[in-house]
Amino acid sequence: MNPTEAAAIALQDRAALWSAGEIRAPDVVAAACDALVAGLDTPGLRMLAACTRSEADYDIHDLLPPALAELGLTFYAPGDEAGREAAARALARRMLAGELTPREFTFRLHRRYGHGLPLTERLALLDDEYDILEYGDRTVEQVDAEVTAEARRLVSNLADPVDPVGPVDPAPARD
């Protein structure tokens, strides 16, 4: 995966996590800055990346949808089921990258969605399993392995999670 694809996936993930209430707007702005550095460039992305921390919470509602659209990425409205699924996949990528432990991953999903999101039902059950380990015959390592396999399944369920456009020339050439 090249740096622009990785930056587009990171921006898409952070946008989904923001829509699901998992992260704050400045985290999305940071991803927009990273995307610019990686070579993605559109007017909307520049405007989003230019937000200060104090502006981000207010301006993200207006700036994020067009910035994502210019890059061929998806904006998920807060509360949207597809957005919750995208956030679950983003958390799975974070867990697989070592940013979350399997236990933290299942806990966050279970706390946020309970048993009400079909895509993550198995992970909610595995979170329950962590709570009863001392009473059963399974080990933490066995449950961790099952969580990791489920996270891989979530991530691999997408044929192409994002299809970003290439870098856009920000201004016409001057003579």
N, C-alpha and C. Protein backbone atom coordinates (compact mmCIF):
# COMPACT_ATOMS: atom_id res chain seq x y z
N MET A 1 0.85 -1.17 0.00
CA MET A 1 0.00 0.00 0.00
C MET A 1 0.90 1.24 0.00
N ASN A 2 0.61 2.17 -0.90
CA ASN A 2 1.43 3.37 -0.96
C ASN A 2 0.98 4.39 0.10
N PRO A 3 1.79 5.42 0.34
CA PRO A 3 1.48 6.38 1.41
C PRO A 3 0.15 7.12 1.22
N THR A 4 -0.21 7.44 -0.03
CA THR A 4 -1.48 8.14 -0.22
C THR A 4 -2.67 7.23 0.08
N GLU A 5 -2.57 5.95 -0.28
CA GLU A 5 -3.65 5.01 0.06
C GLU A 5 -3.76 4.84 1.57
N ALA A 6 -2.63 4.72 2.23
CA ALA A 6 -2.64 4.57 3.69
C ALA A 6 -3.24 5.82 4.35
N ALA A 7 -2.90 6.99 3.85
CA ALA A 7 -3.43 8.24 4.41
C ALA A 7 -4.93 8.35 4.16
N ALA A 8 -5.38 7.91 3.00
CA ALA A 8 -6.82 7.95 2.70
C ALA A 8 -7.58 7.00 3.62
N ILE A 9 -7.04 5.82 3.85
CA ILE A 9 -7.69 4.86 4.75
C ILE A 9 -7.71 5.42 6.17
N ALA A 10 -6.62 6.04 6.59
CA ALA A 10 -6.56 6.63 7.94
C ALA A 10 -7.58 7.75 8.08
N LEU A 11 -7.71 8.59 7.06
CA LEU A 11 -8.69 9.67 7.10
C LEU A 11 -10.10 9.10 7.13
N GLN A 12 -10.38 8.11 6.29
CA GLN A 12 -11.70 7.48 6.28
C GLN A 12 -12.01 6.87 7.64
N ASP A 13 -11.04 6.18 8.22
CA ASP A 13 -11.24 5.56 9.52
C ASP A 13 -11.52 6.61 10.59
N ARG A 14 -10.74 7.65 10.61
CA ARG A 14 -10.95 8.67 11.65
C ARG A 14 -12.27 9.38 11.46
N ALA A 15 -12.68 9.60 10.21
CA ALA A 15 -13.99 10.21 9.97
C ALA A 15 -15.10 9.31 10.49
N ALA A 16 -14.98 8.01 10.25
CA ALA A 16 -15.99 7.06 10.74
C ALA A 16 -15.99 7.01 12.26
N LEU A 17 -14.80 7.00 12.86
CA LEU A 17 -14.71 6.99 14.32
C LEU A 17 -15.30 8.26 14.93
N TRP A 18 -15.08 9.40 14.27
CA TRP A 18 -15.67 10.65 14.75
C TRP A 18 -17.20 10.58 14.66
N SER A 19 -17.71 10.11 13.54
CA SER A 19 -19.16 10.01 13.37
C SER A 19 -19.79 9.08 14.41
N ALA A 20 -19.04 8.08 14.85
CA ALA A 20 -19.54 7.12 15.84
C ALA A 20 -19.32 7.61 17.27
N GLY A 21 -18.69 8.78 17.43
CA GLY A 21 -18.45 9.31 18.76
C GLY A 21 -17.25 8.72 19.47
N GLU A 22 -16.37 8.04 18.73
CA GLU A 22 -15.20 7.40 19.33
C GLU A 22 -14.02 8.35 19.51
N ILE A 23 -13.90 9.34 18.64
CA ILE A 23 -12.80 10.29 18.72
C ILE A 23 -13.35 11.70 18.54
N ARG A 24 -12.50 12.68 18.81
CA ARG A 24 -12.91 14.09 18.68
C ARG A 24 -12.49 14.65 17.34
N ALA A 25 -13.06 15.75 16.99
CA ALA A 25 -12.82 16.41 15.70
C ALA A 25 -11.35 16.73 15.45
N PRO A 26 -10.57 17.20 16.44
CA PRO A 26 -9.16 17.49 16.15
C PRO A 26 -8.38 16.27 15.64
N ASP A 27 -8.81 15.06 16.02
CA ASP A 27 -8.16 13.85 15.50
C ASP A 27 -8.40 13.69 14.01
N VAL A 28 -9.57 14.10 13.55
CA VAL A 28 -9.89 14.04 12.12
C VAL A 28 -9.06 15.10 11.38
N VAL A 29 -8.94 16.27 11.97
CA VAL A 29 -8.13 17.33 11.37
C VAL A 29 -6.68 16.88 11.25
N ALA A 30 -6.18 16.21 12.27
CA ALA A 30 -4.80 15.68 12.21
C ALA A 30 -4.65 14.70 11.05
N ALA A 31 -5.66 13.85 10.83
CA ALA A 31 -5.62 12.91 9.71
C ALA A 31 -5.66 13.65 8.38
N ALA A 32 -6.39 14.74 8.33
CA ALA A 32 -6.42 15.56 7.10
C ALA A 32 -5.03 16.15 6.83
N CYS A 33 -4.36 16.61 7.87
CA CYS A 33 -2.99 17.13 7.72
C CYS A 33 -2.06 16.03 7.22
N ASP A 34 -2.17 14.84 7.81
CA ASP A 34 -1.34 13.71 7.39
C ASP A 34 -1.61 13.36 5.93
N ALA A 35 -2.87 13.45 5.51
CA ALA A 35 -3.22 13.14 4.13
C ALA A 35 -2.58 14.14 3.16
N LEU A 36 -2.56 15.41 3.56
CA LEU A 36 -1.90 16.42 2.73
C LEU A 36 -0.40 16.12 2.61
N VAL A 37 0.21 15.80 3.71
CA VAL A 37 1.64 15.49 3.71
C VAL A 37 1.92 14.27 2.84
N ALA A 38 1.01 13.31 2.84
CA ALA A 38 1.19 12.08 2.06
C ALA A 38 0.96 12.28 0.56
N GLY A 39 0.42 13.45 0.18
CA GLY A 39 0.25 13.72 -1.24
C GLY A 39 -1.18 13.87 -1.72
N LEU A 40 -2.16 13.64 -0.87
CA LEU A 40 -3.54 13.91 -1.25
C LEU A 40 -3.75 15.41 -1.15
N ASP A 41 -4.46 15.98 -2.10
CA ASP A 41 -4.62 17.43 -2.07
C ASP A 41 -5.88 17.83 -2.82
N THR A 42 -6.84 18.35 -2.10
CA THR A 42 -8.05 18.93 -2.69
C THR A 42 -8.37 20.19 -1.91
N PRO A 43 -9.17 21.07 -2.47
CA PRO A 43 -9.52 22.29 -1.72
C PRO A 43 -10.20 21.99 -0.38
N GLY A 44 -11.12 21.04 -0.38
CA GLY A 44 -11.83 20.71 0.86
C GLY A 44 -10.90 20.11 1.90
N LEU A 45 -9.96 19.29 1.46
CA LEU A 45 -9.01 18.70 2.40
C LEU A 45 -8.13 19.79 3.00
N ARG A 46 -7.70 20.75 2.19
CA ARG A 46 -6.89 21.86 2.72
C ARG A 46 -7.66 22.67 3.76
N MET A 47 -8.95 22.91 3.48
CA MET A 47 -9.77 23.67 4.44
C MET A 47 -9.93 22.91 5.75
N LEU A 48 -10.14 21.61 5.65
CA LEU A 48 -10.28 20.80 6.86
C LEU A 48 -8.97 20.77 7.64
N ALA A 49 -7.88 20.60 6.94
CA ALA A 49 -6.57 20.54 7.60
C ALA A 49 -6.19 21.88 8.23
N ALA A 50 -6.74 22.96 7.75
CA ALA A 50 -6.41 24.29 8.27
C ALA A 50 -7.15 24.63 9.57
N CYS A 51 -8.09 23.82 9.97
CA CYS A 51 -8.83 24.09 11.22
C CYS A 51 -7.91 24.03 12.43
N THR A 52 -8.12 24.96 13.34
CA THR A 52 -7.42 24.88 14.61
C THR A 52 -8.18 23.92 15.51
N ARG A 53 -7.56 23.54 16.61
CA ARG A 53 -8.24 22.64 17.56
C ARG A 53 -9.56 23.23 18.03
N SER A 54 -9.58 24.52 18.30
CA SER A 54 -10.80 25.14 18.81
C SER A 54 -11.87 25.25 17.72
N GLU A 55 -11.48 25.39 16.48
CA GLU A 55 -12.44 25.48 15.38
C GLU A 55 -12.99 24.12 14.97
N ALA A 56 -12.20 23.09 15.16
CA ALA A 56 -12.53 21.76 14.63
C ALA A 56 -13.90 21.26 15.08
N ASP A 57 -14.20 21.36 16.36
CA ASP A 57 -15.48 20.85 16.87
C ASP A 57 -16.67 21.54 16.21
N TYR A 58 -16.51 22.78 15.83
CA TYR A 58 -17.62 23.52 15.22
C TYR A 58 -17.65 23.37 13.70
N ASP A 59 -16.49 23.42 13.07
CA ASP A 59 -16.43 23.45 11.61
C ASP A 59 -16.45 22.09 10.94
N ILE A 60 -16.16 21.02 11.67
CA ILE A 60 -16.06 19.71 11.04
C ILE A 60 -17.37 19.29 10.37
N HIS A 61 -18.50 19.69 10.93
CA HIS A 61 -19.80 19.32 10.37
C HIS A 61 -19.97 19.83 8.95
N ASP A 62 -19.42 21.01 8.67
CA ASP A 62 -19.53 21.59 7.34
C ASP A 62 -18.37 21.20 6.42
N LEU A 63 -17.20 20.98 6.99
CA LEU A 63 -16.01 20.75 6.16
C LEU A 63 -15.74 19.28 5.83
N LEU A 64 -16.11 18.38 6.71
CA LEU A 64 -15.77 16.97 6.49
C LEU A 64 -16.50 16.35 5.30
N PRO A 65 -17.81 16.50 5.16
CA PRO A 65 -18.47 15.84 4.02
C PRO A 65 -17.89 16.21 2.66
N PRO A 66 -17.69 17.51 2.34
CA PRO A 66 -17.12 17.79 1.02
C PRO A 66 -15.66 17.35 0.87
N ALA A 67 -14.88 17.41 1.96
CA ALA A 67 -13.49 16.98 1.88
C ALA A 67 -13.42 15.50 1.55
N LEU A 68 -14.25 14.70 2.18
CA LEU A 68 -14.27 13.27 1.89
C LEU A 68 -14.77 13.00 0.48
N ALA A 69 -15.81 13.71 0.08
CA ALA A 69 -16.38 13.50 -1.26
C ALA A 69 -15.36 13.81 -2.35
N GLU A 70 -14.58 14.86 -2.17
CA GLU A 70 -13.55 15.20 -3.16
C GLU A 70 -12.51 14.10 -3.32
N LEU A 71 -12.33 13.32 -2.27
CA LEU A 71 -11.34 12.24 -2.31
C LEU A 71 -11.96 10.89 -2.66
N GLY A 72 -13.26 10.87 -2.89
CA GLY A 72 -13.93 9.61 -3.20
C GLY A 72 -14.15 8.76 -1.96
N LEU A 73 -14.15 9.39 -0.78
CA LEU A 73 -14.36 8.68 0.47
C LEU A 73 -15.80 8.88 0.93
N THR A 74 -16.21 8.14 1.93
CA THR A 74 -17.60 8.15 2.38
C THR A 74 -17.75 8.91 3.68
N PHE A 75 -18.75 9.79 3.72
CA PHE A 75 -19.12 10.45 4.97
C PHE A 75 -20.28 9.68 5.58
N TYR A 76 -20.15 9.32 6.85
CA TYR A 76 -21.21 8.64 7.57
C TYR A 76 -21.81 9.62 8.57
N ALA A 77 -23.10 9.83 8.46
CA ALA A 77 -23.77 10.70 9.42
C ALA A 77 -23.74 10.04 10.80
N PRO A 78 -23.62 10.83 11.85
CA PRO A 78 -23.66 10.25 13.19
C PRO A 78 -24.92 9.41 13.38
N GLY A 79 -24.73 8.22 13.95
CA GLY A 79 -25.86 7.32 14.20
C GLY A 79 -26.20 6.39 13.07
N ASP A 80 -25.58 6.55 11.92
CA ASP A 80 -25.84 5.72 10.75
C ASP A 80 -25.28 4.31 10.98
N GLU A 81 -26.07 3.26 10.67
CA GLU A 81 -25.59 1.89 10.90
C GLU A 81 -24.35 1.58 10.07
N ALA A 82 -24.32 2.02 8.83
CA ALA A 82 -23.12 1.79 8.01
C ALA A 82 -21.91 2.50 8.63
N GLY A 83 -22.15 3.64 9.24
CA GLY A 83 -21.08 4.36 9.93
C GLY A 83 -20.59 3.61 11.15
N ARG A 84 -21.51 3.01 11.89
CA ARG A 84 -21.12 2.21 13.05
C ARG A 84 -20.28 1.01 12.61
N GLU A 85 -20.67 0.39 11.49
CA GLU A 85 -19.90 -0.73 10.97
C GLU A 85 -18.52 -0.27 10.50
N ALA A 86 -18.45 0.90 9.85
CA ALA A 86 -17.16 1.43 9.42
C ALA A 86 -16.28 1.74 10.62
N ALA A 87 -16.88 2.25 11.69
CA ALA A 87 -16.11 2.52 12.91
C ALA A 87 -15.61 1.22 13.53
N ALA A 88 -16.42 0.19 13.51
CA ALA A 88 -15.98 -1.11 14.04
C ALA A 88 -14.80 -1.64 13.24
N ARG A 89 -14.85 -1.48 11.93
CA ARG A 89 -13.73 -1.92 11.09
C ARG A 89 -12.48 -1.07 11.35
N ALA A 90 -12.68 0.23 11.58
CA ALA A 90 -11.55 1.10 11.89
C ALA A 90 -10.91 0.68 13.21
N LEU A 91 -11.71 0.36 14.19
CA LEU A 91 -11.16 -0.11 15.47
C LEU A 91 -10.45 -1.45 15.28
N ALA A 92 -10.98 -2.31 14.41
CA ALA A 92 -10.32 -3.59 14.12
C ALA A 92 -8.95 -3.34 13.51
N ARG A 93 -8.85 -2.39 12.58
CA ARG A 93 -7.54 -2.07 11.99
C ARG A 93 -6.59 -1.56 13.06
N ARG A 94 -7.09 -0.74 13.99
CA ARG A 94 -6.25 -0.22 15.07
C ARG A 94 -5.76 -1.35 15.97
N MET A 95 -6.64 -2.30 16.25
CA MET A 95 -6.23 -3.44 17.08
C MET A 95 -5.18 -4.27 16.36
N LEU A 96 -5.41 -4.54 15.10
CA LEU A 96 -4.45 -5.34 14.34
C LEU A 96 -3.11 -4.63 14.18
N ALA A 97 -3.12 -3.30 14.24
CA ALA A 97 -1.88 -2.53 14.17
C ALA A 97 -1.19 -2.41 15.53
N GLY A 98 -1.81 -2.96 16.57
CA GLY A 98 -1.21 -2.93 17.89
C GLY A 98 -1.56 -1.70 18.71
N GLU A 99 -2.49 -0.88 18.24
CA GLU A 99 -2.88 0.33 18.97
C GLU A 99 -3.86 0.02 20.10
N LEU A 100 -4.54 -1.11 20.02
CA LEU A 100 -5.47 -1.56 21.05
C LEU A 100 -5.18 -3.02 21.34
N THR A 101 -5.38 -3.43 22.57
CA THR A 101 -5.30 -4.86 22.87
C THR A 101 -6.62 -5.50 22.43
N PRO A 102 -6.63 -6.81 22.25
CA PRO A 102 -7.91 -7.46 21.92
C PRO A 102 -8.99 -7.18 22.97
N ARG A 103 -8.61 -7.16 24.23
CA ARG A 103 -9.58 -6.88 25.30
C ARG A 103 -10.14 -5.46 25.18
N GLU A 104 -9.26 -4.48 24.94
CA GLU A 104 -9.72 -3.09 24.78
C GLU A 104 -10.65 -2.97 23.57
N PHE A 105 -10.30 -3.65 22.51
CA PHE A 105 -11.11 -3.62 21.28
C PHE A 105 -12.52 -4.14 21.55
N THR A 106 -12.63 -5.32 22.16
CA THR A 106 -13.96 -5.86 22.41
C THR A 106 -14.72 -5.01 23.42
N PHE A 107 -14.03 -4.49 24.41
CA PHE A 107 -14.68 -3.66 25.42
C PHE A 107 -15.29 -2.41 24.79
N ARG A 108 -14.50 -1.75 23.93
CA ARG A 108 -15.00 -0.52 23.30
C ARG A 108 -16.21 -0.81 22.41
N LEU A 109 -16.14 -1.88 21.64
CA LEU A 109 -17.29 -2.21 20.78
C LEU A 109 -18.51 -2.59 21.62
N HIS A 110 -18.31 -3.38 22.64
CA HIS A 110 -19.42 -3.84 23.47
C HIS A 110 -20.04 -2.65 24.21
N ARG A 111 -19.20 -1.77 24.75
CA ARG A 111 -19.70 -0.59 25.46
C ARG A 111 -20.50 0.31 24.52
N ARG A 112 -20.01 0.50 23.31
CA ARG A 112 -20.64 1.43 22.38
C ARG A 112 -21.91 0.85 21.74
N TYR A 113 -21.89 -0.42 21.35
CA TYR A 113 -22.99 -1.00 20.57
C TYR A 113 -23.73 -2.12 21.27
N GLY A 114 -23.21 -2.58 22.40
CA GLY A 114 -23.86 -3.69 23.08
C GLY A 114 -23.93 -4.91 22.17
N HIS A 115 -25.07 -5.55 22.16
CA HIS A 115 -25.28 -6.71 21.29
C HIS A 115 -26.18 -6.31 20.13
N GLY A 116 -26.32 -5.01 19.87
CA GLY A 116 -27.27 -4.52 18.87
C GLY A 116 -26.72 -4.32 17.47
N LEU A 117 -25.45 -4.52 17.25
CA LEU A 117 -24.89 -4.35 15.91
C LEU A 117 -24.51 -5.74 15.40
N PRO A 118 -25.27 -6.26 14.43
CA PRO A 118 -25.02 -7.63 13.97
C PRO A 118 -23.57 -7.91 13.57
N LEU A 119 -22.91 -6.94 12.94
CA LEU A 119 -21.54 -7.13 12.49
C LEU A 119 -20.60 -7.45 13.65
N THR A 120 -20.87 -6.91 14.82
CA THR A 120 -19.96 -7.06 15.95
C THR A 120 -20.52 -7.93 17.08
N GLU A 121 -21.60 -8.64 16.81
CA GLU A 121 -22.21 -9.47 17.85
C GLU A 121 -21.22 -10.48 18.43
N ARG A 122 -20.46 -11.15 17.57
CA ARG A 122 -19.49 -12.14 18.05
C ARG A 122 -18.46 -11.48 18.96
N LEU A 123 -18.04 -10.26 18.64
CA LEU A 123 -17.06 -9.56 19.48
C LEU A 123 -17.66 -9.17 20.83
N ALA A 124 -18.94 -8.82 20.84
CA ALA A 124 -19.61 -8.53 22.12
C ALA A 124 -19.65 -9.78 22.99
N LEU A 125 -19.91 -10.92 22.37
CA LEU A 125 -19.91 -12.18 23.12
C LEU A 125 -18.52 -12.50 23.65
N LEU A 126 -17.50 -12.20 22.84
CA LEU A 126 -16.13 -12.44 23.30
C LEU A 126 -15.76 -11.50 24.44
N ASP A 127 -16.29 -10.28 24.44
CA ASP A 127 -16.06 -9.38 25.57
C ASP A 127 -16.67 -9.98 26.83
N ASP A 128 -17.87 -10.54 26.70
CA ASP A 128 -18.47 -11.23 27.85
C ASP A 128 -17.59 -12.38 28.31
N GLU A 129 -16.97 -13.06 27.34
CA GLU A 129 -16.12 -14.20 27.66
C GLU A 129 -14.91 -13.77 28.51
N TYR A 130 -14.34 -12.60 28.21
CA TYR A 130 -13.23 -12.11 29.04
C TYR A 130 -13.67 -12.00 30.51
N ASP A 131 -14.93 -11.58 30.71
CA ASP A 131 -15.42 -11.37 32.07
C ASP A 131 -15.58 -12.66 32.86
N ILE A 132 -15.69 -13.79 32.17
CA ILE A 132 -15.93 -15.06 32.89
C ILE A 132 -14.76 -16.04 32.76
N LEU A 133 -13.62 -15.57 32.32
CA LEU A 133 -12.47 -16.46 32.14
C LEU A 133 -12.11 -17.25 33.40
N GLU A 134 -12.17 -16.61 34.54
CA GLU A 134 -11.75 -17.29 35.77
C GLU A 134 -12.68 -18.45 36.15
N TYR A 135 -13.85 -18.50 35.53
CA TYR A 135 -14.81 -19.55 35.86
C TYR A 135 -14.85 -20.66 34.81
N GLY A 136 -14.10 -20.50 33.72
CA GLY A 136 -14.14 -21.48 32.64
C GLY A 136 -12.80 -22.15 32.42
N ASP A 137 -12.70 -22.80 31.28
CA ASP A 137 -11.46 -23.52 30.97
C ASP A 137 -10.68 -22.87 29.83
N ARG A 138 -11.10 -21.69 29.40
CA ARG A 138 -10.37 -20.98 28.35
C ARG A 138 -9.35 -20.04 28.96
N THR A 139 -8.32 -19.71 28.16
CA THR A 139 -7.29 -18.78 28.62
C THR A 139 -7.46 -17.44 27.91
N VAL A 140 -6.83 -16.43 28.45
CA VAL A 140 -6.84 -15.10 27.81
C VAL A 140 -6.28 -15.22 26.39
N GLU A 141 -5.22 -15.99 26.23
CA GLU A 141 -4.59 -16.14 24.92
C GLU A 141 -5.54 -16.76 23.90
N GLN A 142 -6.36 -17.70 24.33
CA GLN A 142 -7.33 -18.31 23.42
C GLN A 142 -8.39 -17.30 22.98
N VAL A 143 -8.89 -16.52 23.92
CA VAL A 143 -9.89 -15.51 23.58
C VAL A 143 -9.25 -14.42 22.72
N ASP A 144 -8.03 -13.99 23.07
CA ASP A 144 -7.31 -13.01 22.25
C ASP A 144 -7.18 -13.50 20.81
N ALA A 145 -6.85 -14.77 20.62
CA ALA A 145 -6.69 -15.33 19.27
C ALA A 145 -8.01 -15.30 18.51
N GLU A 146 -9.09 -15.60 19.20
CA GLU A 146 -10.40 -15.57 18.54
C GLU A 146 -10.80 -14.13 18.19
N VAL A 147 -10.50 -13.19 19.07
CA VAL A 147 -10.78 -11.77 18.79
C VAL A 147 -9.96 -11.31 17.60
N THR A 148 -8.70 -11.69 17.56
CA THR A 148 -7.83 -11.31 16.43
C THR A 148 -8.36 -11.87 15.12
N ALA A 149 -8.80 -13.11 15.14
CA ALA A 149 -9.37 -13.72 13.93
C ALA A 149 -10.64 -12.98 13.51
N GLU A 150 -11.46 -12.60 14.46
CA GLU A 150 -12.69 -11.86 14.15
C GLU A 150 -12.37 -10.47 13.61
N ALA A 151 -11.34 -9.82 14.16
CA ALA A 151 -10.93 -8.51 13.65
C ALA A 151 -10.44 -8.63 12.21
N ARG A 152 -9.69 -9.67 11.93
CA ARG A 152 -9.22 -9.89 10.55
C ARG A 152 -10.40 -10.11 9.61
N ARG A 153 -11.42 -10.83 10.09
CA ARG A 153 -12.61 -11.05 9.28
C ARG A 153 -13.31 -9.72 8.98
N LEU A 154 -13.41 -8.88 9.99
CA LEU A 154 -14.05 -7.57 9.78
C LEU A 154 -13.31 -6.75 8.74
N VAL A 155 -12.00 -6.71 8.85
CA VAL A 155 -11.19 -5.90 7.94
C VAL A 155 -11.20 -6.48 6.53
N SER A 156 -11.17 -7.80 6.42
CA SER A 156 -11.13 -8.41 5.09
C SER A 156 -12.49 -8.44 4.41
N ASN A 157 -13.55 -8.10 5.12
CA ASN A 157 -14.89 -8.08 4.55
C ASN A 157 -15.07 -6.97 3.52
N LEU A 158 -14.15 -6.08 3.46
CA LEU A 158 -14.23 -4.97 2.50
C LEU A 158 -13.36 -5.27 1.29
N ALA A 159 -13.97 -5.25 0.15
CA ALA A 159 -13.20 -5.47 -1.08
C ALA A 159 -12.23 -4.31 -1.29
N ASP A 160 -12.71 -3.09 -1.14
CA ASP A 160 -11.90 -1.89 -1.33
C ASP A 160 -12.45 -0.83 -0.41
N PRO A 161 -11.91 -0.67 0.82
CA PRO A 161 -12.49 0.23 1.80
C PRO A 161 -12.55 1.68 1.35
N VAL A 162 -11.59 2.11 0.57
CA VAL A 162 -11.60 3.46 0.04
C VAL A 162 -11.01 3.44 -1.34
N ASP A 163 -11.44 4.34 -2.15
CA ASP A 163 -10.92 4.46 -3.49
C ASP A 163 -10.58 5.93 -3.72
N PRO A 164 -9.50 6.41 -3.10
CA PRO A 164 -9.18 7.82 -3.19
C PRO A 164 -8.71 8.21 -4.58
N VAL A 165 -9.03 9.44 -4.92
CA VAL A 165 -8.52 9.97 -6.18
C VAL A 165 -7.06 10.30 -5.97
N GLY A 166 -6.34 10.41 -7.04
CA GLY A 166 -4.93 10.79 -6.93
C GLY A 166 -4.82 12.25 -6.54
N PRO A 167 -3.61 12.71 -6.32
CA PRO A 167 -3.41 14.11 -5.96
C PRO A 167 -4.01 15.03 -7.02
N VAL A 168 -4.63 16.09 -6.56
CA VAL A 168 -5.25 17.06 -7.44
C VAL A 168 -4.36 18.28 -7.50
N ASP A 169 -4.12 18.78 -8.69
CA ASP A 169 -3.33 19.99 -8.86
C ASP A 169 -4.10 21.14 -8.24
N PRO A 170 -3.56 21.78 -7.19
CA PRO A 170 -4.33 22.79 -6.46
C PRO A 170 -4.56 24.07 -7.24
N ALA A 171 -3.76 24.38 -8.21
CA ALA A 171 -3.93 25.62 -8.97
C ALA A 171 -3.44 25.42 -10.39
N PRO A 172 -4.06 26.11 -11.33
CA PRO A 172 -3.57 25.99 -12.70
C PRO A 172 -2.16 26.55 -12.83
N ALA A 173 -1.44 26.04 -13.80
CA ALA A 173 -0.07 26.53 -14.03
C ALA A 173 -0.09 27.98 -14.43
N ARG A 174 0.91 28.72 -13.95
CA ARG A 174 1.00 30.14 -14.28
C ARG A 174 2.02 30.34 -15.39
N ASP A 175 1.74 31.28 -16.22
CA ASP A 175 2.68 31.59 -17.31
C ASP A 175 3.69 32.60 -16.88
